[in-house]
mmCIF file of all heavy atoms, coordinates in Angstrom:
data_MODEL
# 
_entry.id   MODEL 
# 
loop_
_atom_site.group_PDB 
_atom_site.id 
_atom_site.type_symbol 
_atom_site.label_atom_id 
_atom_site.label_alt_id 
_atom_site.label_comp_id 
_atom_site.label_asym_id 
_atom_site.label_entity_id 
_atom_site.label_seq_id 
_atom_site.pdbx_PDB_ins_code 
_atom_site.Cartn_x 
_atom_site.Cartn_y 
_atom_site.Cartn_z 
_atom_site.occupancy 
_atom_site.B_iso_or_equiv 
_atom_site.pdbx_formal_charge 
_atom_site.auth_seq_id 
_atom_site.auth_comp_id 
_atom_site.auth_asym_id 
_atom_site.auth_atom_id 
_atom_site.pdbx_PDB_model_num 
ATOM 1   N N   . LYS A 1 1  ? 122.822 98.060  92.029  1.00 0.00 ? 1  LYS A N   1 
ATOM 2   C CA  . LYS A 1 1  ? 122.418 99.337  92.620  1.00 0.00 ? 1  LYS A CA  1 
ATOM 3   C C   . LYS A 1 1  ? 121.975 99.096  94.066  1.00 0.00 ? 1  LYS A C   1 
ATOM 4   O O   . LYS A 1 1  ? 120.996 98.399  94.309  1.00 0.00 ? 1  LYS A O   1 
ATOM 5   C CB  . LYS A 1 1  ? 121.279 99.965  91.808  1.00 0.00 ? 1  LYS A CB  1 
ATOM 6   C CG  . LYS A 1 1  ? 121.682 100.373 90.406  1.00 0.00 ? 1  LYS A CG  1 
ATOM 7   C CD  . LYS A 1 1  ? 120.550 101.051 89.658  1.00 0.00 ? 1  LYS A CD  1 
ATOM 8   C CE  . LYS A 1 1  ? 119.526 100.051 89.177  1.00 0.00 ? 1  LYS A CE  1 
ATOM 9   N NZ  . LYS A 1 1  ? 118.466 100.670 88.356  1.00 0.00 ? 1  LYS A NZ  1 
ATOM 10  N N   . THR A 1 2  ? 122.722 99.674  94.999  1.00 0.00 ? 2  THR A N   1 
ATOM 11  C CA  . THR A 1 2  ? 122.428 99.507  96.411  1.00 0.00 ? 2  THR A CA  1 
ATOM 12  C C   . THR A 1 2  ? 121.946 100.819 96.999  1.00 0.00 ? 2  THR A C   1 
ATOM 13  O O   . THR A 1 2  ? 122.602 101.860 96.824  1.00 0.00 ? 2  THR A O   1 
ATOM 14  C CB  . THR A 1 2  ? 123.680 99.037  97.184  1.00 0.00 ? 2  THR A CB  1 
ATOM 15  O OG1 . THR A 1 2  ? 124.183 97.845  96.582  1.00 0.00 ? 2  THR A OG1 1 
ATOM 16  C CG2 . THR A 1 2  ? 123.342 98.769  98.636  1.00 0.00 ? 2  THR A CG2 1 
ATOM 17  N N   . TYR A 1 3  ? 120.811 100.768 97.679  1.00 0.00 ? 3  TYR A N   1 
ATOM 18  C CA  . TYR A 1 3  ? 120.222 101.962 98.286  1.00 0.00 ? 3  TYR A CA  1 
ATOM 19  C C   . TYR A 1 3  ? 120.198 101.820 99.804  1.00 0.00 ? 3  TYR A C   1 
ATOM 20  O O   . TYR A 1 3  ? 120.127 100.709 100.332 1.00 0.00 ? 3  TYR A O   1 
ATOM 21  C CB  . TYR A 1 3  ? 118.780 102.157 97.796  1.00 0.00 ? 3  TYR A CB  1 
ATOM 22  C CG  . TYR A 1 3  ? 118.653 102.504 96.337  1.00 0.00 ? 3  TYR A CG  1 
ATOM 23  C CD1 . TYR A 1 3  ? 118.811 101.529 95.348  1.00 0.00 ? 3  TYR A CD1 1 
ATOM 24  C CD2 . TYR A 1 3  ? 118.352 103.798 95.930  1.00 0.00 ? 3  TYR A CD2 1 
ATOM 25  C CE1 . TYR A 1 3  ? 118.690 101.841 94.002  1.00 0.00 ? 3  TYR A CE1 1 
ATOM 26  C CE2 . TYR A 1 3  ? 118.227 104.114 94.590  1.00 0.00 ? 3  TYR A CE2 1 
ATOM 27  C CZ  . TYR A 1 3  ? 118.396 103.136 93.634  1.00 0.00 ? 3  TYR A CZ  1 
ATOM 28  O OH  . TYR A 1 3  ? 118.271 103.444 92.311  1.00 0.00 ? 3  TYR A OH  1 
ATOM 29  N N   . TRP A 1 4  ? 120.228 102.944 100.495 1.00 0.00 ? 4  TRP A N   1 
ATOM 30  C CA  . TRP A 1 4  ? 119.942 102.987 101.919 1.00 0.00 ? 4  TRP A CA  1 
ATOM 31  C C   . TRP A 1 4  ? 118.632 103.735 102.101 1.00 0.00 ? 4  TRP A C   1 
ATOM 32  O O   . TRP A 1 4  ? 118.415 104.784 101.461 1.00 0.00 ? 4  TRP A O   1 
ATOM 33  C CB  . TRP A 1 4  ? 121.057 103.695 102.690 1.00 0.00 ? 4  TRP A CB  1 
ATOM 34  C CG  . TRP A 1 4  ? 122.252 102.829 102.949 1.00 0.00 ? 4  TRP A CG  1 
ATOM 35  C CD1 . TRP A 1 4  ? 122.528 101.609 102.387 1.00 0.00 ? 4  TRP A CD1 1 
ATOM 36  C CD2 . TRP A 1 4  ? 123.351 103.121 103.825 1.00 0.00 ? 4  TRP A CD2 1 
ATOM 37  N NE1 . TRP A 1 4  ? 123.721 101.122 102.863 1.00 0.00 ? 4  TRP A NE1 1 
ATOM 38  C CE2 . TRP A 1 4  ? 124.250 102.019 103.744 1.00 0.00 ? 4  TRP A CE2 1 
ATOM 39  C CE3 . TRP A 1 4  ? 123.655 104.178 104.660 1.00 0.00 ? 4  TRP A CE3 1 
ATOM 40  C CZ2 . TRP A 1 4  ? 125.430 101.985 104.478 1.00 0.00 ? 4  TRP A CZ2 1 
ATOM 41  C CZ3 . TRP A 1 4  ? 124.840 104.140 105.392 1.00 0.00 ? 4  TRP A CZ3 1 
ATOM 42  C CH2 . TRP A 1 4  ? 125.713 103.046 105.302 1.00 0.00 ? 4  TRP A CH2 1 
ATOM 43  N N   . ALA A 1 5  ? 117.779 103.206 102.946 1.00 0.00 ? 5  ALA A N   1 
ATOM 44  C CA  . ALA A 1 5  ? 116.487 103.834 103.216 1.00 0.00 ? 5  ALA A CA  1 
ATOM 45  C C   . ALA A 1 5  ? 116.243 103.852 104.722 1.00 0.00 ? 5  ALA A C   1 
ATOM 46  O O   . ALA A 1 5  ? 116.437 102.836 105.396 1.00 0.00 ? 5  ALA A O   1 
ATOM 47  C CB  . ALA A 1 5  ? 115.364 103.078 102.514 1.00 0.00 ? 5  ALA A CB  1 
ATOM 48  N N   . ILE A 1 6  ? 115.830 104.990 105.233 1.00 0.00 ? 6  ILE A N   1 
ATOM 49  C CA  . ILE A 1 6  ? 115.428 105.105 106.635 1.00 0.00 ? 6  ILE A CA  1 
ATOM 50  C C   . ILE A 1 6  ? 113.905 105.006 106.664 1.00 0.00 ? 6  ILE A C   1 
ATOM 51  O O   . ILE A 1 6  ? 113.219 105.832 106.050 1.00 0.00 ? 6  ILE A O   1 
ATOM 52  C CB  . ILE A 1 6  ? 115.895 106.439 107.245 1.00 0.00 ? 6  ILE A CB  1 
ATOM 53  C CG1 . ILE A 1 6  ? 117.422 106.547 107.192 1.00 0.00 ? 6  ILE A CG1 1 
ATOM 54  C CG2 . ILE A 1 6  ? 115.404 106.567 108.683 1.00 0.00 ? 6  ILE A CG2 1 
ATOM 55  C CD1 . ILE A 1 6  ? 117.965 107.895 107.649 1.00 0.00 ? 6  ILE A CD1 1 
ATOM 56  N N   . VAL A 1 7  ? 113.386 103.992 107.350 1.00 0.00 ? 7  VAL A N   1 
ATOM 57  C CA  . VAL A 1 7  ? 111.936 103.760 107.357 1.00 0.00 ? 7  VAL A CA  1 
ATOM 58  C C   . VAL A 1 7  ? 111.357 104.004 108.741 1.00 0.00 ? 7  VAL A C   1 
ATOM 59  O O   . VAL A 1 7  ? 112.053 103.959 109.758 1.00 0.00 ? 7  VAL A O   1 
ATOM 60  C CB  . VAL A 1 7  ? 111.593 102.332 106.878 1.00 0.00 ? 7  VAL A CB  1 
ATOM 61  C CG1 . VAL A 1 7  ? 112.081 102.123 105.444 1.00 0.00 ? 7  VAL A CG1 1 
ATOM 62  C CG2 . VAL A 1 7  ? 112.189 101.268 107.802 1.00 0.00 ? 7  VAL A CG2 1 
ATOM 63  N N   . CYS A 1 8  ? 110.046 104.258 108.759 1.00 0.00 ? 8  CYS A N   1 
ATOM 64  C CA  . CYS A 1 8  ? 109.373 104.701 109.975 1.00 0.00 ? 8  CYS A CA  1 
ATOM 65  C C   . CYS A 1 8  ? 108.982 103.566 110.911 1.00 0.00 ? 8  CYS A C   1 
ATOM 66  O O   . CYS A 1 8  ? 108.843 103.792 112.118 1.00 0.00 ? 8  CYS A O   1 
ATOM 67  C CB  . CYS A 1 8  ? 108.116 105.497 109.610 1.00 0.00 ? 8  CYS A CB  1 
ATOM 68  S SG  . CYS A 1 8  ? 108.437 106.967 108.611 1.00 0.00 ? 8  CYS A SG  1 
ATOM 69  N N   . ASN A 1 9  ? 108.781 102.367 110.388 1.00 0.00 ? 9  ASN A N   1 
ATOM 70  C CA  . ASN A 1 9  ? 108.314 101.256 111.219 1.00 0.00 ? 9  ASN A CA  1 
ATOM 71  C C   . ASN A 1 9  ? 109.261 100.064 111.104 1.00 0.00 ? 9  ASN A C   1 
ATOM 72  O O   . ASN A 1 9  ? 109.985 99.930  110.115 1.00 0.00 ? 9  ASN A O   1 
ATOM 73  C CB  . ASN A 1 9  ? 106.903 100.827 110.801 1.00 0.00 ? 9  ASN A CB  1 
ATOM 74  C CG  . ASN A 1 9  ? 105.905 101.959 110.938 1.00 0.00 ? 9  ASN A CG  1 
ATOM 75  O OD1 . ASN A 1 9  ? 105.944 102.719 111.908 1.00 0.00 ? 9  ASN A OD1 1 
ATOM 76  N ND2 . ASN A 1 9  ? 105.012 102.094 109.963 1.00 0.00 ? 9  ASN A ND2 1 
ATOM 77  N N   . GLU A 1 10 ? 109.218 99.206  112.086 1.00 0.00 ? 10 GLU A N   1 
ATOM 78  C CA  . GLU A 1 10 ? 110.073 98.024  112.072 1.00 0.00 ? 10 GLU A CA  1 
ATOM 79  C C   . GLU A 1 10 ? 109.604 97.048  110.995 1.00 0.00 ? 10 GLU A C   1 
ATOM 80  O O   . GLU A 1 10 ? 108.422 96.677  110.946 1.00 0.00 ? 10 GLU A O   1 
ATOM 81  C CB  . GLU A 1 10 ? 110.053 97.331  113.429 1.00 0.00 ? 10 GLU A CB  1 
ATOM 82  C CG  . GLU A 1 10 ? 110.967 96.126  113.510 1.00 0.00 ? 10 GLU A CG  1 
ATOM 83  C CD  . GLU A 1 10 ? 111.022 95.503  114.895 1.00 0.00 ? 10 GLU A CD  1 
ATOM 84  O OE1 . GLU A 1 10 ? 110.228 95.913  115.772 1.00 0.00 ? 10 GLU A OE1 1 
ATOM 85  O OE2 . GLU A 1 10 ? 111.850 94.594  115.094 1.00 0.00 ? 10 GLU A OE2 1 
ATOM 86  N N   . PRO A 1 11 ? 110.508 96.594  110.132 1.00 0.00 ? 11 PRO A N   1 
ATOM 87  C CA  . PRO A 1 11 ? 110.126 95.634  109.093 1.00 0.00 ? 11 PRO A CA  1 
ATOM 88  C C   . PRO A 1 11 ? 109.680 94.311  109.707 1.00 0.00 ? 11 PRO A C   1 
ATOM 89  O O   . PRO A 1 11 ? 110.120 93.944  110.805 1.00 0.00 ? 11 PRO A O   1 
ATOM 90  C CB  . PRO A 1 11 ? 111.409 95.466  108.289 1.00 0.00 ? 11 PRO A CB  1 
ATOM 91  C CG  . PRO A 1 11 ? 112.221 96.679  108.573 1.00 0.00 ? 11 PRO A CG  1 
ATOM 92  C CD  . PRO A 1 11 ? 111.902 97.040  109.990 1.00 0.00 ? 11 PRO A CD  1 
ATOM 93  N N   . PRO A 1 12 ? 108.828 93.571  109.018 1.00 0.00 ? 12 PRO A N   1 
ATOM 94  C CA  . PRO A 1 12 ? 108.351 92.292  109.542 1.00 0.00 ? 12 PRO A CA  1 
ATOM 95  C C   . PRO A 1 12 ? 109.445 91.242  109.668 1.00 0.00 ? 12 PRO A C   1 
ATOM 96  O O   . PRO A 1 12 ? 109.329 90.302  110.465 1.00 0.00 ? 12 PRO A O   1 
ATOM 97  C CB  . PRO A 1 12 ? 107.285 91.870  108.529 1.00 0.00 ? 12 PRO A CB  1 
ATOM 98  C CG  . PRO A 1 12 ? 107.592 92.638  107.283 1.00 0.00 ? 12 PRO A CG  1 
ATOM 99  C CD  . PRO A 1 12 ? 108.183 93.926  107.749 1.00 0.00 ? 12 PRO A CD  1 
ATOM 100 N N   . GLU A 1 13 ? 110.521 91.382  108.883 1.00 0.00 ? 13 GLU A N   1 
ATOM 101 C CA  . GLU A 1 13 ? 111.658 90.460  108.949 1.00 0.00 ? 13 GLU A CA  1 
ATOM 102 C C   . GLU A 1 13 ? 112.954 91.259  108.901 1.00 0.00 ? 13 GLU A C   1 
ATOM 103 O O   . GLU A 1 13 ? 113.001 92.364  108.343 1.00 0.00 ? 13 GLU A O   1 
ATOM 104 C CB  . GLU A 1 13 ? 111.625 89.470  107.785 1.00 0.00 ? 13 GLU A CB  1 
ATOM 105 C CG  . GLU A 1 13 ? 110.388 88.590  107.730 1.00 0.00 ? 13 GLU A CG  1 
ATOM 106 C CD  . GLU A 1 13 ? 110.393 87.703  106.506 1.00 0.00 ? 13 GLU A CD  1 
ATOM 107 O OE1 . GLU A 1 13 ? 111.070 86.661  106.526 1.00 0.00 ? 13 GLU A OE1 1 
ATOM 108 O OE2 . GLU A 1 13 ? 109.727 88.068  105.524 1.00 0.00 ? 13 GLU A OE2 1 
ATOM 109 N N   . GLU A 1 14 ? 114.019 90.689  109.458 1.00 0.00 ? 14 GLU A N   1 
ATOM 110 C CA  . GLU A 1 14 ? 115.316 91.362  109.438 1.00 0.00 ? 14 GLU A CA  1 
ATOM 111 C C   . GLU A 1 14 ? 115.851 91.494  108.010 1.00 0.00 ? 14 GLU A C   1 
ATOM 112 O O   . GLU A 1 14 ? 116.508 92.467  107.671 1.00 0.00 ? 14 GLU A O   1 
ATOM 113 C CB  . GLU A 1 14 ? 116.325 90.597  110.300 1.00 0.00 ? 14 GLU A CB  1 
ATOM 114 C CG  . GLU A 1 14 ? 116.158 90.808  111.788 1.00 0.00 ? 14 GLU A CG  1 
ATOM 115 C CD  . GLU A 1 14 ? 116.582 92.200  112.227 1.00 0.00 ? 14 GLU A CD  1 
ATOM 116 O OE1 . GLU A 1 14 ? 117.740 92.600  111.965 1.00 0.00 ? 14 GLU A OE1 1 
ATOM 117 O OE2 . GLU A 1 14 ? 115.744 92.903  112.835 1.00 0.00 ? 14 GLU A OE2 1 
ATOM 118 N N   . GLN A 1 15 ? 115.561 90.499  107.188 1.00 0.00 ? 15 GLN A N   1 
ATOM 119 C CA  . GLN A 1 15 ? 115.914 90.570  105.780 1.00 0.00 ? 15 GLN A CA  1 
ATOM 120 C C   . GLN A 1 15 ? 114.948 89.716  104.983 1.00 0.00 ? 15 GLN A C   1 
ATOM 121 O O   . GLN A 1 15 ? 114.424 88.716  105.484 1.00 0.00 ? 15 GLN A O   1 
ATOM 122 C CB  . GLN A 1 15 ? 117.352 90.148  105.538 1.00 0.00 ? 15 GLN A CB  1 
ATOM 123 C CG  . GLN A 1 15 ? 117.683 88.712  105.894 1.00 0.00 ? 15 GLN A CG  1 
ATOM 124 C CD  . GLN A 1 15 ? 119.150 88.407  105.651 1.00 0.00 ? 15 GLN A CD  1 
ATOM 125 O OE1 . GLN A 1 15 ? 120.048 89.081  106.157 1.00 0.00 ? 15 GLN A OE1 1 
ATOM 126 N NE2 . GLN A 1 15 ? 119.401 87.391  104.836 1.00 0.00 ? 15 GLN A NE2 1 
ATOM 127 N N   . ALA A 1 16 ? 114.691 90.143  103.750 1.00 0.00 ? 16 ALA A N   1 
ATOM 128 C CA  . ALA A 1 16 ? 113.707 89.427  102.942 1.00 0.00 ? 16 ALA A CA  1 
ATOM 129 C C   . ALA A 1 16 ? 113.816 89.867  101.482 1.00 0.00 ? 16 ALA A C   1 
ATOM 130 O O   . ALA A 1 16 ? 114.413 90.906  101.167 1.00 0.00 ? 16 ALA A O   1 
ATOM 131 C CB  . ALA A 1 16 ? 112.291 89.690  103.459 1.00 0.00 ? 16 ALA A CB  1 
ATOM 132 N N   . THR A 1 17 ? 113.243 89.051  100.622 1.00 0.00 ? 17 THR A N   1 
ATOM 133 C CA  . THR A 1 17 ? 113.059 89.419  99.221  1.00 0.00 ? 17 THR A CA  1 
ATOM 134 C C   . THR A 1 17 ? 111.594 89.795  99.030  1.00 0.00 ? 17 THR A C   1 
ATOM 135 O O   . THR A 1 17 ? 110.703 89.038  99.417  1.00 0.00 ? 17 THR A O   1 
ATOM 136 C CB  . THR A 1 17 ? 113.416 88.252  98.286  1.00 0.00 ? 17 THR A CB  1 
ATOM 137 O OG1 . THR A 1 17 ? 114.807 87.944  98.436  1.00 0.00 ? 17 THR A OG1 1 
ATOM 138 C CG2 . THR A 1 17 ? 113.147 88.614  96.834  1.00 0.00 ? 17 THR A CG2 1 
ATOM 139 N N   . LEU A 1 18 ? 111.353 90.958  98.470  1.00 0.00 ? 18 LEU A N   1 
ATOM 140 C CA  . LEU A 1 18 ? 109.984 91.414  98.213  1.00 0.00 ? 18 LEU A CA  1 
ATOM 141 C C   . LEU A 1 18 ? 109.681 91.278  96.722  1.00 0.00 ? 18 LEU A C   1 
ATOM 142 O O   . LEU A 1 18 ? 110.448 91.753  95.880  1.00 0.00 ? 18 LEU A O   1 
ATOM 143 C CB  . LEU A 1 18 ? 109.803 92.874  98.634  1.00 0.00 ? 18 LEU A CB  1 
ATOM 144 C CG  . LEU A 1 18 ? 110.088 93.225  100.100 1.00 0.00 ? 18 LEU A CG  1 
ATOM 145 C CD1 . LEU A 1 18 ? 109.789 94.711  100.337 1.00 0.00 ? 18 LEU A CD1 1 
ATOM 146 C CD2 . LEU A 1 18 ? 109.280 92.343  101.039 1.00 0.00 ? 18 LEU A CD2 1 
ATOM 147 N N   . THR A 1 19 ? 108.573 90.634  96.422  1.00 0.00 ? 19 THR A N   1 
ATOM 148 C CA  . THR A 1 19 ? 108.109 90.498  95.041  1.00 0.00 ? 19 THR A CA  1 
ATOM 149 C C   . THR A 1 19 ? 106.675 91.001  94.958  1.00 0.00 ? 19 THR A C   1 
ATOM 150 O O   . THR A 1 19 ? 105.794 90.505  95.659  1.00 0.00 ? 19 THR A O   1 
ATOM 151 C CB  . THR A 1 19 ? 108.162 89.035  94.572  1.00 0.00 ? 19 THR A CB  1 
ATOM 152 O OG1 . THR A 1 19 ? 109.508 88.544  94.685  1.00 0.00 ? 19 THR A OG1 1 
ATOM 153 C CG2 . THR A 1 19 ? 107.708 88.919  93.119  1.00 0.00 ? 19 THR A CG2 1 
ATOM 154 N N   . HIS A 1 20 ? 106.464 92.013  94.146  1.00 0.00 ? 20 HIS A N   1 
ATOM 155 C CA  . HIS A 1 20 ? 105.126 92.564  93.934  1.00 0.00 ? 20 HIS A CA  1 
ATOM 156 C C   . HIS A 1 20 ? 104.930 92.846  92.450  1.00 0.00 ? 20 HIS A C   1 
ATOM 157 O O   . HIS A 1 20 ? 105.869 92.789  91.657  1.00 0.00 ? 20 HIS A O   1 
ATOM 158 C CB  . HIS A 1 20 ? 104.943 93.876  94.721  1.00 0.00 ? 20 HIS A CB  1 
ATOM 159 C CG  . HIS A 1 20 ? 105.000 93.725  96.212  1.00 0.00 ? 20 HIS A CG  1 
ATOM 160 N ND1 . HIS A 1 20 ? 106.128 94.056  96.945  1.00 0.00 ? 20 HIS A ND1 1 
ATOM 161 C CD2 . HIS A 1 20 ? 104.096 93.278  97.102  1.00 0.00 ? 20 HIS A CD2 1 
ATOM 162 C CE1 . HIS A 1 20 ? 105.905 93.822  98.230  1.00 0.00 ? 20 HIS A CE1 1 
ATOM 163 N NE2 . HIS A 1 20 ? 104.681 93.348  98.354  1.00 0.00 ? 20 HIS A NE2 1 
ATOM 164 N N   . TRP A 1 21 ? 103.702 93.167  92.113  1.00 0.00 ? 21 TRP A N   1 
ATOM 165 C CA  . TRP A 1 21 ? 103.377 93.630  90.763  1.00 0.00 ? 21 TRP A CA  1 
ATOM 166 C C   . TRP A 1 21 ? 102.872 95.060  90.892  1.00 0.00 ? 21 TRP A C   1 
ATOM 167 O O   . TRP A 1 21 ? 101.920 95.327  91.633  1.00 0.00 ? 21 TRP A O   1 
ATOM 168 C CB  . TRP A 1 21 ? 102.328 92.723  90.120  1.00 0.00 ? 21 TRP A CB  1 
ATOM 169 C CG  . TRP A 1 21 ? 102.933 91.448  89.598  1.00 0.00 ? 21 TRP A CG  1 
ATOM 170 C CD1 . TRP A 1 21 ? 103.289 91.180  88.310  1.00 0.00 ? 21 TRP A CD1 1 
ATOM 171 C CD2 . TRP A 1 21 ? 103.275 90.277  90.359  1.00 0.00 ? 21 TRP A CD2 1 
ATOM 172 N NE1 . TRP A 1 21 ? 103.822 89.918  88.215  1.00 0.00 ? 21 TRP A NE1 1 
ATOM 173 C CE2 . TRP A 1 21 ? 103.832 89.336  89.455  1.00 0.00 ? 21 TRP A CE2 1 
ATOM 174 C CE3 . TRP A 1 21 ? 103.161 89.925  91.709  1.00 0.00 ? 21 TRP A CE3 1 
ATOM 175 C CZ2 . TRP A 1 21 ? 104.269 88.083  89.852  1.00 0.00 ? 21 TRP A CZ2 1 
ATOM 176 C CZ3 . TRP A 1 21 ? 103.605 88.675  92.115  1.00 0.00 ? 21 TRP A CZ3 1 
ATOM 177 C CH2 . TRP A 1 21 ? 104.154 87.772  91.201  1.00 0.00 ? 21 TRP A CH2 1 
ATOM 178 N N   . LEU A 1 22 ? 103.532 95.978  90.193  1.00 0.00 ? 22 LEU A N   1 
ATOM 179 C CA  . LEU A 1 22 ? 103.240 97.401  90.361  1.00 0.00 ? 22 LEU A CA  1 
ATOM 180 C C   . LEU A 1 22 ? 102.465 97.967  89.182  1.00 0.00 ? 22 LEU A C   1 
ATOM 181 O O   . LEU A 1 22 ? 102.740 97.643  88.022  1.00 0.00 ? 22 LEU A O   1 
ATOM 182 C CB  . LEU A 1 22 ? 104.541 98.203  90.519  1.00 0.00 ? 22 LEU A CB  1 
ATOM 183 C CG  . LEU A 1 22 ? 105.530 97.789  91.613  1.00 0.00 ? 22 LEU A CG  1 
ATOM 184 C CD1 . LEU A 1 22 ? 106.625 98.839  91.745  1.00 0.00 ? 22 LEU A CD1 1 
ATOM 185 C CD2 . LEU A 1 22 ? 104.837 97.572  92.943  1.00 0.00 ? 22 LEU A CD2 1 
ATOM 186 N N   . THR A 1 23 ? 101.517 98.808  89.505  1.00 0.00 ? 23 THR A N   1 
ATOM 187 C CA  . THR A 1 23 ? 100.836 99.600  88.493  1.00 0.00 ? 23 THR A CA  1 
ATOM 188 C C   . THR A 1 23 ? 101.137 101.070 88.765  1.00 0.00 ? 23 THR A C   1 
ATOM 189 O O   . THR A 1 23 ? 101.527 101.436 89.876  1.00 0.00 ? 23 THR A O   1 
ATOM 190 C CB  . THR A 1 23 ? 99.316  99.391  88.519  1.00 0.00 ? 23 THR A CB  1 
ATOM 191 O OG1 . THR A 1 23 ? 98.804  99.768  89.815  1.00 0.00 ? 23 THR A OG1 1 
ATOM 192 C CG2 . THR A 1 23 ? 98.954  97.945  88.227  1.00 0.00 ? 23 THR A CG2 1 
ATOM 193 N N   . ARG A 1 24 ? 100.951 101.894 87.765  1.00 0.00 ? 24 ARG A N   1 
ATOM 194 C CA  . ARG A 1 24 ? 101.268 103.328 87.909  1.00 0.00 ? 24 ARG A CA  1 
ATOM 195 C C   . ARG A 1 24 ? 100.045 104.164 87.584  1.00 0.00 ? 24 ARG A C   1 
ATOM 196 O O   . ARG A 1 24 ? 99.341  103.896 86.605  1.00 0.00 ? 24 ARG A O   1 
ATOM 197 C CB  . ARG A 1 24 ? 102.423 103.697 86.980  1.00 0.00 ? 24 ARG A CB  1 
ATOM 198 C CG  . ARG A 1 24 ? 102.853 105.148 87.045  1.00 0.00 ? 24 ARG A CG  1 
ATOM 199 C CD  . ARG A 1 24 ? 104.080 105.372 86.182  1.00 0.00 ? 24 ARG A CD  1 
ATOM 200 N NE  . ARG A 1 24 ? 104.502 106.769 86.183  1.00 0.00 ? 24 ARG A NE  1 
ATOM 201 C CZ  . ARG A 1 24 ? 105.556 107.237 85.542  1.00 0.00 ? 24 ARG A CZ  1 
ATOM 202 N NH1 . ARG A 1 24 ? 106.296 106.412 84.819  1.00 0.00 ? 24 ARG A NH1 1 
ATOM 203 N NH2 . ARG A 1 24 ? 105.875 108.517 85.593  1.00 0.00 ? 24 ARG A NH2 1 
# 
């Protein structure tokens, strides 16, 4: 599943893997 997202600020890296633990 590939998404496109328009974001408001410049990302800290040109490309990266993000790993987090999410709660709801």
